Amino acid sequence: MFRILGISGSARKRSFNSALIRAAIEILPEGLRLENHDVSGFPLFNEDLEAELPMTVKKFKEKIRAVDGVLFATPEYNYSISAVLKNAVEWGNRPDGDNSWEGKPVAIMSASASPRGGARAQLHLRQILVDLDMYPINQPQLLVANADEKFDDNLRLTDQRSRQVLREMLVALAQWGRRLHPIFPDIGDQRAAAGTAILN
């Protein structure tokens, strides 16, 4: 079983990115397990708290270490990722010498009402992943543009192309994780389709 930790960078109740995580759970291929972890309630990162980490942060770091891969869903604010996601990234990386993210394979997706689908946030997050020593998959990429047209009133992802690429991304993440840490059985015969999907 390839275990994935899903993390949305949004605190909104009606978040498209949180809905993407739920969609991933809904269409999860056989042999994969995905747990959604809410990071929106963490205290703001403060080095003064590192001597005695908040319990929510301790449990979060334990979960990161326990999984085989990470799935980020990031909104875009001011050409970058959200404060919620950056805060979670900092806690996972601290204190010094206790980087819980180290060596983890990771996939990135985003949804936005804009026509770019969160592309600039994804690019900035990839830059941050270098410092975290994480290993992102390159293809396929999932950028759900004009997201208000891709989800129904209950925030269920209804766009079939988006759902297909999301499933391919999950398969690619598991395959990449097996290549990095070859202890997992094959996750089916499906191969992730290469290419960037900006879904208009």
N, C-alpha and C. Protein backbone atom coordinates (compact mmCIF):
# COMPACT_ATOMS: atom_id res chain seq x y z
N MET A 1 0.84 -1.19 0.00
CA MET A 1 0.00 0.00 0.00
C MET A 1 0.88 1.25 0.00
N PHE A 2 0.73 2.09 -1.00
CA PHE A 2 1.49 3.34 -1.09
C PHE A 2 0.65 4.43 -0.42
N ARG A 3 1.18 4.99 0.65
CA ARG A 3 0.43 5.94 1.49
C ARG A 3 0.80 7.38 1.13
N ILE A 4 -0.23 8.19 0.91
CA ILE A 4 -0.04 9.58 0.50
C ILE A 4 -0.70 10.50 1.51
N LEU A 5 -0.04 11.60 1.83
CA LEU A 5 -0.61 12.63 2.68
C LEU A 5 -1.05 13.79 1.79
N GLY A 6 -2.34 14.09 1.79
CA GLY A 6 -2.89 15.18 1.01
C GLY A 6 -2.96 16.46 1.84
N ILE A 7 -2.45 17.55 1.29
CA ILE A 7 -2.40 18.82 2.02
C ILE A 7 -2.91 19.94 1.12
N SER A 8 -4.00 20.57 1.54
CA SER A 8 -4.51 21.73 0.84
C SER A 8 -3.97 22.99 1.49
N GLY A 9 -3.58 23.96 0.66
CA GLY A 9 -3.06 25.21 1.18
C GLY A 9 -4.13 26.27 1.41
N SER A 10 -5.37 25.85 1.50
CA SER A 10 -6.46 26.80 1.66
C SER A 10 -7.22 26.56 2.96
N ALA A 11 -7.67 27.65 3.57
CA ALA A 11 -8.50 27.57 4.77
C ALA A 11 -9.96 27.85 4.47
N ARG A 12 -10.28 28.16 3.23
CA ARG A 12 -11.66 28.48 2.85
C ARG A 12 -12.57 27.26 2.97
N LYS A 13 -13.78 27.49 3.42
CA LYS A 13 -14.74 26.38 3.51
C LYS A 13 -15.09 25.84 2.13
N ARG A 14 -15.19 26.73 1.16
CA ARG A 14 -15.53 26.32 -0.20
C ARG A 14 -14.30 26.48 -1.11
N SER A 15 -13.26 25.80 -0.73
CA SER A 15 -11.99 25.87 -1.44
C SER A 15 -11.95 24.87 -2.59
N PHE A 16 -11.60 25.35 -3.78
CA PHE A 16 -11.42 24.45 -4.91
C PHE A 16 -10.25 23.50 -4.68
N ASN A 17 -9.20 23.99 -4.01
CA ASN A 17 -8.03 23.15 -3.79
C ASN A 17 -8.29 22.05 -2.77
N SER A 18 -9.03 22.36 -1.73
CA SER A 18 -9.44 21.32 -0.79
C SER A 18 -10.35 20.31 -1.49
N ALA A 19 -11.18 20.81 -2.41
CA ALA A 19 -12.04 19.92 -3.17
C ALA A 19 -11.23 19.01 -4.09
N LEU A 20 -10.09 19.49 -4.58
CA LEU A 20 -9.21 18.64 -5.38
C LEU A 20 -8.67 17.46 -4.57
N ILE A 21 -8.33 17.72 -3.32
CA ILE A 21 -7.87 16.62 -2.45
C ILE A 21 -8.98 15.59 -2.28
N ARG A 22 -10.20 16.06 -2.06
CA ARG A 22 -11.34 15.14 -1.91
C ARG A 22 -11.58 14.36 -3.20
N ALA A 23 -11.40 15.01 -4.34
CA ALA A 23 -11.55 14.31 -5.61
C ALA A 23 -10.49 13.23 -5.76
N ALA A 24 -9.28 13.51 -5.31
CA ALA A 24 -8.21 12.50 -5.38
C ALA A 24 -8.57 11.27 -4.55
N ILE A 25 -9.15 11.50 -3.39
CA ILE A 25 -9.58 10.37 -2.55
C ILE A 25 -10.68 9.57 -3.25
N GLU A 26 -11.56 10.28 -3.94
CA GLU A 26 -12.69 9.64 -4.61
C GLU A 26 -12.25 8.73 -5.75
N ILE A 27 -11.21 9.12 -6.48
CA ILE A 27 -10.80 8.36 -7.67
C ILE A 27 -9.49 7.61 -7.44
N LEU A 28 -9.11 7.42 -6.22
CA LEU A 28 -7.82 6.81 -5.88
C LEU A 28 -7.65 5.44 -6.53
N PRO A 29 -6.57 5.23 -7.28
CA PRO A 29 -6.33 3.92 -7.87
C PRO A 29 -6.09 2.85 -6.80
N GLU A 30 -6.32 1.61 -7.19
CA GLU A 30 -6.09 0.50 -6.27
C GLU A 30 -4.62 0.45 -5.88
N GLY A 31 -4.37 0.15 -4.61
CA GLY A 31 -3.01 0.05 -4.12
C GLY A 31 -2.48 1.32 -3.51
N LEU A 32 -3.30 2.39 -3.54
CA LEU A 32 -2.91 3.66 -2.95
C LEU A 32 -3.87 4.02 -1.83
N ARG A 33 -3.35 4.69 -0.83
CA ARG A 33 -4.17 5.21 0.27
C ARG A 33 -3.82 6.68 0.45
N LEU A 34 -4.84 7.53 0.58
CA LEU A 34 -4.62 8.97 0.70
C LEU A 34 -5.36 9.49 1.92
N GLU A 35 -4.64 10.18 2.79
CA GLU A 35 -5.24 10.81 3.96
C GLU A 35 -5.15 12.33 3.81
N ASN A 36 -6.27 13.00 3.97
CA ASN A 36 -6.32 14.45 3.91
C ASN A 36 -6.00 15.03 5.29
N HIS A 37 -5.04 15.95 5.35
CA HIS A 37 -4.67 16.54 6.63
C HIS A 37 -4.88 18.05 6.58
N ASP A 38 -5.71 18.56 7.45
CA ASP A 38 -6.02 19.99 7.52
C ASP A 38 -4.90 20.72 8.26
N VAL A 39 -4.25 21.65 7.57
CA VAL A 39 -3.13 22.39 8.18
C VAL A 39 -3.52 23.84 8.49
N SER A 40 -4.78 24.18 8.31
CA SER A 40 -5.18 25.58 8.43
C SER A 40 -5.23 26.08 9.87
N GLY A 41 -5.23 25.17 10.85
CA GLY A 41 -5.34 25.60 12.24
C GLY A 41 -4.02 25.68 12.98
N PHE A 42 -2.92 25.49 12.28
CA PHE A 42 -1.62 25.55 12.94
C PHE A 42 -1.32 26.97 13.43
N PRO A 43 -0.63 27.10 14.57
CA PRO A 43 -0.16 28.44 14.95
C PRO A 43 0.86 28.93 13.94
N LEU A 44 1.01 30.25 13.85
CA LEU A 44 2.03 30.79 12.96
C LEU A 44 3.41 30.31 13.39
N PHE A 45 4.22 29.96 12.41
CA PHE A 45 5.55 29.47 12.74
C PHE A 45 6.32 30.50 13.55
N ASN A 46 6.94 30.02 14.62
CA ASN A 46 7.69 30.89 15.53
C ASN A 46 8.81 30.06 16.13
N GLU A 47 10.04 30.47 15.92
CA GLU A 47 11.17 29.70 16.44
C GLU A 47 11.15 29.61 17.95
N ASP A 48 10.47 30.52 18.62
CA ASP A 48 10.37 30.44 20.08
C ASP A 48 9.60 29.21 20.53
N LEU A 49 8.80 28.62 19.62
CA LEU A 49 7.99 27.45 19.97
C LEU A 49 8.69 26.13 19.65
N GLU A 50 9.88 26.21 19.08
CA GLU A 50 10.54 24.99 18.64
C GLU A 50 11.00 24.11 19.80
N ALA A 51 11.30 24.69 20.93
CA ALA A 51 11.75 23.88 22.07
C ALA A 51 10.65 22.96 22.56
N GLU A 52 9.41 23.39 22.41
CA GLU A 52 8.26 22.58 22.80
C GLU A 52 7.21 22.73 21.71
N LEU A 53 7.30 21.88 20.69
CA LEU A 53 6.43 22.00 19.53
C LEU A 53 4.97 21.84 19.93
N PRO A 54 4.07 22.62 19.33
CA PRO A 54 2.64 22.41 19.56
C PRO A 54 2.25 20.99 19.18
N MET A 55 1.31 20.41 19.90
CA MET A 55 0.93 19.02 19.66
C MET A 55 0.43 18.80 18.24
N THR A 56 -0.31 19.78 17.69
CA THR A 56 -0.79 19.64 16.31
C THR A 56 0.37 19.53 15.33
N VAL A 57 1.44 20.24 15.61
CA VAL A 57 2.61 20.20 14.74
C VAL A 57 3.36 18.88 14.91
N LYS A 58 3.49 18.41 16.14
CA LYS A 58 4.14 17.12 16.38
C LYS A 58 3.45 16.00 15.61
N LYS A 59 2.11 15.96 15.70
CA LYS A 59 1.35 14.92 15.01
C LYS A 59 1.50 15.04 13.49
N PHE A 60 1.53 16.28 13.02
CA PHE A 60 1.70 16.53 11.59
C PHE A 60 3.05 16.00 11.11
N LYS A 61 4.11 16.29 11.83
CA LYS A 61 5.43 15.83 11.44
C LYS A 61 5.51 14.30 11.48
N GLU A 62 4.84 13.70 12.44
CA GLU A 62 4.80 12.23 12.50
C GLU A 62 4.10 11.65 11.28
N LYS A 63 3.02 12.31 10.86
CA LYS A 63 2.29 11.82 9.69
C LYS A 63 3.12 11.95 8.43
N ILE A 64 3.84 13.05 8.30
CA ILE A 64 4.69 13.21 7.12
C ILE A 64 5.69 12.06 7.04
N ARG A 65 6.31 11.76 8.15
CA ARG A 65 7.33 10.71 8.18
C ARG A 65 6.73 9.33 7.89
N ALA A 66 5.46 9.14 8.26
CA ALA A 66 4.85 7.82 8.13
C ALA A 66 4.39 7.50 6.72
N VAL A 67 4.22 8.53 5.87
CA VAL A 67 3.69 8.28 4.53
C VAL A 67 4.81 8.09 3.52
N ASP A 68 4.40 7.62 2.34
CA ASP A 68 5.36 7.35 1.28
C ASP A 68 5.44 8.46 0.25
N GLY A 69 4.46 9.36 0.25
CA GLY A 69 4.45 10.46 -0.69
C GLY A 69 3.53 11.56 -0.21
N VAL A 70 3.65 12.72 -0.83
CA VAL A 70 2.87 13.90 -0.44
C VAL A 70 2.18 14.48 -1.67
N LEU A 71 0.95 14.94 -1.49
CA LEU A 71 0.20 15.59 -2.55
C LEU A 71 -0.23 16.97 -2.07
N PHE A 72 0.34 18.01 -2.69
CA PHE A 72 0.00 19.39 -2.35
C PHE A 72 -1.05 19.92 -3.33
N ALA A 73 -2.05 20.60 -2.80
CA ALA A 73 -3.00 21.37 -3.61
C ALA A 73 -2.87 22.82 -3.18
N THR A 74 -2.36 23.65 -4.07
CA THR A 74 -2.02 25.02 -3.67
C THR A 74 -2.83 26.06 -4.42
N PRO A 75 -3.50 26.94 -3.69
CA PRO A 75 -4.06 28.12 -4.35
C PRO A 75 -2.94 29.10 -4.67
N GLU A 76 -3.27 30.10 -5.47
CA GLU A 76 -2.29 31.13 -5.80
C GLU A 76 -2.73 32.48 -5.25
N TYR A 77 -1.84 33.10 -4.49
CA TYR A 77 -2.06 34.45 -3.99
C TYR A 77 -0.82 35.28 -4.28
N ASN A 78 -1.01 36.42 -4.95
CA ASN A 78 0.11 37.34 -5.21
C ASN A 78 1.30 36.64 -5.88
N TYR A 79 1.00 35.83 -6.88
CA TYR A 79 2.03 35.11 -7.66
C TYR A 79 2.72 34.02 -6.86
N SER A 80 2.17 33.61 -5.72
CA SER A 80 2.87 32.64 -4.88
C SER A 80 1.87 31.73 -4.18
N ILE A 81 2.39 30.88 -3.29
CA ILE A 81 1.54 29.99 -2.52
C ILE A 81 0.90 30.75 -1.36
N SER A 82 -0.05 30.12 -0.72
CA SER A 82 -0.77 30.77 0.37
C SER A 82 0.04 30.79 1.65
N ALA A 83 -0.33 31.68 2.55
CA ALA A 83 0.30 31.73 3.88
C ALA A 83 0.04 30.44 4.64
N VAL A 84 -1.13 29.85 4.44
CA VAL A 84 -1.47 28.59 5.12
C VAL A 84 -0.48 27.49 4.74
N LEU A 85 -0.21 27.37 3.45
CA LEU A 85 0.70 26.32 3.00
C LEU A 85 2.14 26.61 3.40
N LYS A 86 2.57 27.86 3.26
CA LYS A 86 3.94 28.20 3.65
C LYS A 86 4.16 27.93 5.12
N ASN A 87 3.16 28.20 5.95
CA ASN A 87 3.26 27.95 7.39
C ASN A 87 3.45 26.45 7.67
N ALA A 88 2.66 25.63 6.97
CA ALA A 88 2.78 24.18 7.15
C ALA A 88 4.14 23.68 6.69
N VAL A 89 4.63 24.24 5.58
CA VAL A 89 5.95 23.87 5.08
C VAL A 89 7.03 24.18 6.11
N GLU A 90 6.95 25.37 6.72
CA GLU A 90 7.95 25.76 7.71
C GLU A 90 7.93 24.82 8.91
N TRP A 91 6.75 24.51 9.42
CA TRP A 91 6.68 23.62 10.58
C TRP A 91 7.24 22.24 10.25
N GLY A 92 6.95 21.75 9.05
CA GLY A 92 7.46 20.43 8.67
C GLY A 92 8.96 20.40 8.52
N ASN A 93 9.56 21.55 8.29
CA ASN A 93 10.99 21.65 8.05
C ASN A 93 11.80 21.98 9.30
N ARG A 94 11.14 22.24 10.38
CA ARG A 94 11.81 22.72 11.60
C ARG A 94 11.50 21.80 12.77
N PRO A 95 12.28 21.88 13.87
CA PRO A 95 13.45 22.74 14.06
C PRO A 95 14.63 22.30 13.21
N ASP A 96 15.70 23.07 13.25
CA ASP A 96 16.88 22.79 12.45
C ASP A 96 17.36 21.37 12.69
N GLY A 97 17.56 20.63 11.61
CA GLY A 97 17.99 19.24 11.72
C GLY A 97 16.85 18.25 11.84
N ASP A 98 15.61 18.73 11.77
CA ASP A 98 14.44 17.86 11.91
C ASP A 98 13.49 18.10 10.74
N ASN A 99 14.00 17.93 9.54
CA ASN A 99 13.22 18.12 8.33
C ASN A 99 12.38 16.89 8.03
N SER A 100 11.09 16.97 8.32
CA SER A 100 10.21 15.81 8.10
C SER A 100 9.95 15.54 6.63
N TRP A 101 10.17 16.53 5.77
CA TRP A 101 9.89 16.40 4.35
C TRP A 101 10.99 15.67 3.59
N GLU A 102 12.14 15.55 4.18
CA GLU A 102 13.33 15.08 3.46
C GLU A 102 13.12 13.76 2.74
N GLY A 103 13.44 13.76 1.44
CA GLY A 103 13.41 12.54 0.65
C GLY A 103 12.05 12.10 0.17
N LYS A 104 11.00 12.87 0.45
CA LYS A 104 9.66 12.44 0.08
C LYS A 104 9.35 12.77 -1.38
N PRO A 105 8.79 11.80 -2.12
CA PRO A 105 8.25 12.14 -3.44
C PRO A 105 6.98 12.97 -3.26
N VAL A 106 6.74 13.88 -4.21
CA VAL A 106 5.63 14.81 -4.04
C VAL A 106 5.03 15.16 -5.40
N ALA A 107 3.73 15.37 -5.41
CA ALA A 107 3.03 15.88 -6.59
C ALA A 107 2.33 17.18 -6.20
N ILE A 108 2.20 18.07 -7.18
CA ILE A 108 1.60 19.38 -6.96
C ILE A 108 0.42 19.55 -7.91
N MET A 109 -0.68 20.07 -7.40
CA MET A 109 -1.81 20.43 -8.25
C MET A 109 -2.38 21.74 -7.75
N SER A 110 -3.17 22.37 -8.57
CA SER A 110 -3.77 23.64 -8.18
C SER A 110 -5.06 23.87 -8.95
N ALA A 111 -5.94 24.65 -8.34
CA ALA A 111 -7.19 25.06 -8.98
C ALA A 111 -7.40 26.53 -8.72
N SER A 112 -7.85 27.23 -9.76
CA SER A 112 -8.04 28.67 -9.63
C SER A 112 -9.16 29.11 -10.57
N ALA A 113 -9.87 30.14 -10.16
CA ALA A 113 -10.89 30.72 -11.03
C ALA A 113 -10.26 31.48 -12.19
N SER A 114 -8.96 31.71 -12.12
CA SER A 114 -8.25 32.45 -13.17
C SER A 114 -7.95 31.52 -14.35
N PRO A 115 -7.60 32.08 -15.50
CA PRO A 115 -7.29 31.24 -16.67
C PRO A 115 -5.93 30.55 -16.60
N ARG A 116 -5.11 30.87 -15.61
CA ARG A 116 -3.79 30.22 -15.50
C ARG A 116 -3.80 28.99 -14.61
N GLY A 117 -4.81 28.84 -13.79
CA GLY A 117 -4.94 27.63 -12.99
C GLY A 117 -3.96 27.51 -11.84
N GLY A 118 -3.33 28.60 -11.43
CA GLY A 118 -2.38 28.54 -10.32
C GLY A 118 -0.97 28.21 -10.73
N ALA A 119 -0.62 28.45 -11.99
CA ALA A 119 0.70 28.05 -12.50
C ALA A 119 1.85 28.72 -11.76
N ARG A 120 1.68 29.99 -11.39
CA ARG A 120 2.79 30.69 -10.74
C ARG A 120 3.01 30.18 -9.33
N ALA A 121 1.92 29.80 -8.65
CA ALA A 121 2.07 29.21 -7.32
C ALA A 121 2.79 27.87 -7.40
N GLN A 122 2.44 27.07 -8.40
CA GLN A 122 3.13 25.78 -8.56
C GLN A 122 4.62 25.99 -8.80
N LEU A 123 4.96 26.95 -9.63
CA LEU A 123 6.36 27.20 -9.93
C LEU A 123 7.11 27.63 -8.67
N HIS A 124 6.50 28.49 -7.88
CA HIS A 124 7.15 28.95 -6.65
C HIS A 124 7.29 27.80 -5.65
N LEU A 125 6.27 26.95 -5.56
CA LEU A 125 6.35 25.82 -4.64
C LEU A 125 7.47 24.87 -5.05
N ARG A 126 7.65 24.66 -6.34
CA ARG A 126 8.75 23.81 -6.80
C ARG A 126 10.11 24.37 -6.36
N GLN A 127 10.23 25.67 -6.37
CA GLN A 127 11.47 26.29 -5.90
C GLN A 127 11.68 26.00 -4.41
N ILE A 128 10.62 26.06 -3.63
CA ILE A 128 10.71 25.79 -2.20
C ILE A 128 11.07 24.33 -1.94
N LEU A 129 10.56 23.42 -2.77
CA LEU A 129 10.81 21.99 -2.58
C LEU A 129 12.29 21.64 -2.68
N VAL A 130 13.05 22.44 -3.40
CA VAL A 130 14.50 22.20 -3.49
C VAL A 130 15.11 22.28 -2.10
N ASP A 131 14.75 23.31 -1.34
CA ASP A 131 15.30 23.48 0.00
C ASP A 131 14.80 22.40 0.96
N LEU A 132 13.60 21.89 0.71
CA LEU A 132 13.05 20.84 1.57
C LEU A 132 13.65 19.47 1.26
N ASP A 133 14.38 19.36 0.18
CA ASP A 133 14.95 18.08 -0.27
C ASP A 133 13.85 17.08 -0.60
N MET A 134 12.81 17.58 -1.26
CA MET A 134 11.73 16.72 -1.74
C MET A 134 11.92 16.49 -3.23
N TYR A 135 11.22 15.47 -3.77
CA TYR A 135 11.40 15.07 -5.15
C TYR A 135 10.06 15.11 -5.89
N PRO A 136 9.77 16.24 -6.56
CA PRO A 136 8.49 16.35 -7.25
C PRO A 136 8.47 15.60 -8.57
N ILE A 137 7.31 15.06 -8.91
CA ILE A 137 7.14 14.53 -10.27
C ILE A 137 7.03 15.71 -11.21
N ASN A 138 7.45 15.52 -12.44
CA ASN A 138 7.38 16.59 -13.44
C ASN A 138 6.13 16.50 -14.31
N GLN A 139 5.71 15.29 -14.62
CA GLN A 139 4.56 15.07 -15.48
C GLN A 139 3.71 13.94 -14.92
N PRO A 140 2.40 14.01 -15.09
CA PRO A 140 1.64 15.12 -15.67
C PRO A 140 1.48 16.27 -14.68
N GLN A 141 1.18 17.43 -15.19
CA GLN A 141 0.89 18.58 -14.35
C GLN A 141 -0.62 18.85 -14.38
N LEU A 142 -1.15 19.21 -13.24
CA LEU A 142 -2.59 19.48 -13.15
C LEU A 142 -2.81 20.91 -12.70
N LEU A 143 -3.30 21.73 -13.62
CA LEU A 143 -3.65 23.12 -13.33
C LEU A 143 -5.11 23.30 -13.77
N VAL A 144 -6.01 23.35 -12.82
CA VAL A 144 -7.43 23.46 -13.13
C VAL A 144 -7.80 24.93 -13.24
N ALA A 145 -7.84 25.43 -14.47
CA ALA A 145 -8.18 26.82 -14.72
C ALA A 145 -9.70 26.99 -14.78
N ASN A 146 -10.17 28.24 -14.57
CA ASN A 146 -11.61 28.51 -14.59
C ASN A 146 -12.36 27.50 -13.72
N ALA A 147 -11.86 27.33 -12.50
CA ALA A 147 -12.31 26.24 -11.64
C ALA A 147 -13.79 26.31 -11.31
N ASP A 148 -14.37 27.50 -11.33
CA ASP A 148 -15.79 27.61 -11.02
C ASP A 148 -16.65 26.88 -12.04
N GLU A 149 -16.08 26.54 -13.19
CA GLU A 149 -16.80 25.79 -14.22
C GLU A 149 -16.52 24.29 -14.13
N LYS A 150 -15.59 23.88 -13.29
CA LYS A 150 -15.15 22.48 -13.24
C LYS A 150 -15.70 21.71 -12.03
N PHE A 151 -16.32 22.43 -11.10
CA PHE A 151 -16.89 21.82 -9.91
C PHE A 151 -18.39 22.13 -9.86
N ASP A 152 -19.16 21.20 -9.27
CA ASP A 152 -20.59 21.47 -9.13
C ASP A 152 -20.85 22.27 -7.86
N ASP A 153 -22.12 22.46 -7.53
CA ASP A 153 -22.47 23.28 -6.37
C ASP A 153 -22.00 22.68 -5.06
N ASN A 154 -21.76 21.37 -5.04
CA ASN A 154 -21.26 20.68 -3.84
C ASN A 154 -19.73 20.55 -3.85
N LEU A 155 -19.09 21.27 -4.77
CA LEU A 155 -17.64 21.25 -4.93
C LEU A 155 -17.11 19.86 -5.26
N ARG A 156 -17.88 19.12 -6.02
CA ARG A 156 -17.39 17.85 -6.57
C ARG A 156 -16.82 18.12 -7.94
N LEU A 157 -15.60 17.63 -8.18
CA LEU A 157 -14.95 17.82 -9.46
C LEU A 157 -15.71 17.04 -10.53
N THR A 158 -16.28 17.75 -11.48
CA THR A 158 -17.10 17.11 -12.51
C THR A 158 -16.43 17.08 -13.88
N ASP A 159 -15.39 17.87 -14.07
CA ASP A 159 -14.72 17.91 -15.35
C ASP A 159 -13.95 16.61 -15.58
N GLN A 160 -14.32 15.87 -16.61
CA GLN A 160 -13.76 14.54 -16.81
C GLN A 160 -12.28 14.58 -17.18
N ARG A 161 -11.88 15.57 -17.93
CA ARG A 161 -10.44 15.67 -18.28
C ARG A 161 -9.61 15.91 -17.02
N SER A 162 -10.10 16.77 -16.14
CA SER A 162 -9.39 17.03 -14.88
C SER A 162 -9.30 15.77 -14.04
N ARG A 163 -10.37 15.02 -13.98
CA ARG A 163 -10.38 13.78 -13.19
C ARG A 163 -9.39 12.76 -13.77
N GLN A 164 -9.32 12.70 -15.10
CA GLN A 164 -8.39 11.77 -15.73
C GLN A 164 -6.94 12.12 -15.41
N VAL A 165 -6.61 13.42 -15.55
CA VAL A 165 -5.23 13.85 -15.27
C VAL A 165 -4.90 13.66 -13.79
N LEU A 166 -5.87 13.90 -12.91
CA LEU A 166 -5.64 13.70 -11.48
C LEU A 166 -5.32 12.25 -11.18
N ARG A 167 -6.06 11.34 -11.79
CA ARG A 167 -5.79 9.92 -11.57
C ARG A 167 -4.40 9.54 -12.11
N GLU A 168 -4.06 10.07 -13.28
CA GLU A 168 -2.74 9.81 -13.85
C GLU A 168 -1.64 10.36 -12.95
N MET A 169 -1.89 11.50 -12.33
CA MET A 169 -0.92 12.09 -11.42
C MET A 169 -0.69 11.19 -10.21
N LEU A 170 -1.76 10.65 -9.66
CA LEU A 170 -1.63 9.76 -8.50
C LEU A 170 -0.83 8.51 -8.85
N VAL A 171 -1.09 7.96 -10.03
CA VAL A 171 -0.33 6.79 -10.48
C VAL A 171 1.14 7.16 -10.65
N ALA A 172 1.39 8.33 -11.26
CA ALA A 172 2.77 8.76 -11.48
C ALA A 172 3.50 8.98 -10.16
N LEU A 173 2.80 9.51 -9.16
CA LEU A 173 3.42 9.72 -7.85
C LEU A 173 3.85 8.39 -7.24
N ALA A 174 2.97 7.39 -7.32
CA ALA A 174 3.31 6.08 -6.77
C ALA A 174 4.47 5.44 -7.54
N GLN A 175 4.46 5.57 -8.85
CA GLN A 175 5.55 5.02 -9.66
C GLN A 175 6.87 5.70 -9.33
N TRP A 176 6.84 7.01 -9.17
CA TRP A 176 8.04 7.77 -8.82
C TRP A 176 8.53 7.37 -7.44
N GLY A 177 7.59 7.19 -6.50
CA GLY A 177 7.98 6.75 -5.17
C GLY A 177 8.63 5.38 -5.17
N ARG A 178 8.16 4.49 -6.04
CA ARG A 178 8.77 3.16 -6.14
C ARG A 178 10.17 3.24 -6.71
N ARG A 179 10.37 4.18 -7.64
CA ARG A 179 11.71 4.32 -8.21
C ARG A 179 12.69 4.90 -7.19
N LEU A 180 12.21 5.81 -6.36
CA LEU A 180 13.07 6.40 -5.34
C LEU A 180 13.34 5.41 -4.21
N HIS A 181 12.31 4.67 -3.84
CA HIS A 181 12.40 3.72 -2.74
C HIS A 181 11.78 2.41 -3.21
N PRO A 182 12.52 1.57 -3.91
CA PRO A 182 11.95 0.40 -4.59
C PRO A 182 11.59 -0.74 -3.64
N ILE A 183 10.58 -0.50 -2.82
CA ILE A 183 10.10 -1.54 -1.90
C ILE A 183 8.63 -1.81 -2.11
N PHE A 184 7.99 -1.13 -3.06
CA PHE A 184 6.56 -1.25 -3.25
C PHE A 184 6.26 -2.11 -4.47
N PRO A 185 5.16 -2.89 -4.45
CA PRO A 185 4.73 -3.62 -5.63
C PRO A 185 4.19 -2.65 -6.67
N ASP A 186 4.06 -3.13 -7.90
CA ASP A 186 3.51 -2.28 -8.96
C ASP A 186 2.10 -1.85 -8.62
N ILE A 187 1.77 -0.61 -8.97
CA ILE A 187 0.42 -0.08 -8.77
C ILE A 187 -0.28 -0.16 -10.12
N GLY A 188 -0.68 -1.35 -10.53
CA GLY A 188 -1.36 -1.53 -11.80
C GLY A 188 -0.43 -1.32 -12.98
N ASP A 189 -0.99 -1.33 -14.15
CA ASP A 189 -0.20 -1.17 -15.36
C ASP A 189 -0.39 0.20 -16.00
N GLN A 190 -1.23 1.02 -15.36
CA GLN A 190 -1.50 2.33 -15.95
C GLN A 190 -0.26 3.19 -15.89
N ARG A 191 0.02 3.89 -16.94
CA ARG A 191 1.15 4.81 -17.00
C ARG A 191 0.61 6.23 -17.07
N ALA A 192 1.25 7.11 -16.33
CA ALA A 192 0.82 8.50 -16.35
C ALA A 192 1.17 9.13 -17.69
N ALA A 193 0.20 9.81 -18.27
CA ALA A 193 0.43 10.47 -19.56
C ALA A 193 1.29 11.71 -19.36
N ALA A 194 2.31 11.85 -20.19
CA ALA A 194 3.17 13.02 -20.10
C ALA A 194 2.45 14.22 -20.68
N GLY A 195 2.84 15.38 -20.20
CA GLY A 195 2.27 16.61 -20.73
C GLY A 195 1.71 17.48 -19.65
N THR A 196 1.54 18.73 -19.98
CA THR A 196 0.98 19.70 -19.04
C THR A 196 -0.47 19.93 -19.40
N ALA A 197 -1.36 19.80 -18.41
CA ALA A 197 -2.77 20.02 -18.67
C ALA A 197 -3.22 21.30 -18.02
N ILE A 198 -3.42 22.35 -18.82
CA ILE A 198 -4.07 23.56 -18.34
C ILE A 198 -5.50 23.47 -18.82
N LEU A 199 -6.39 23.16 -17.91
CA LEU A 199 -7.72 22.73 -18.28
C LEU A 199 -8.67 23.91 -18.34
N ASN A 200 -8.96 24.36 -19.54
CA ASN A 200 -9.81 25.53 -19.74
C ASN A 200 -11.26 25.12 -19.94
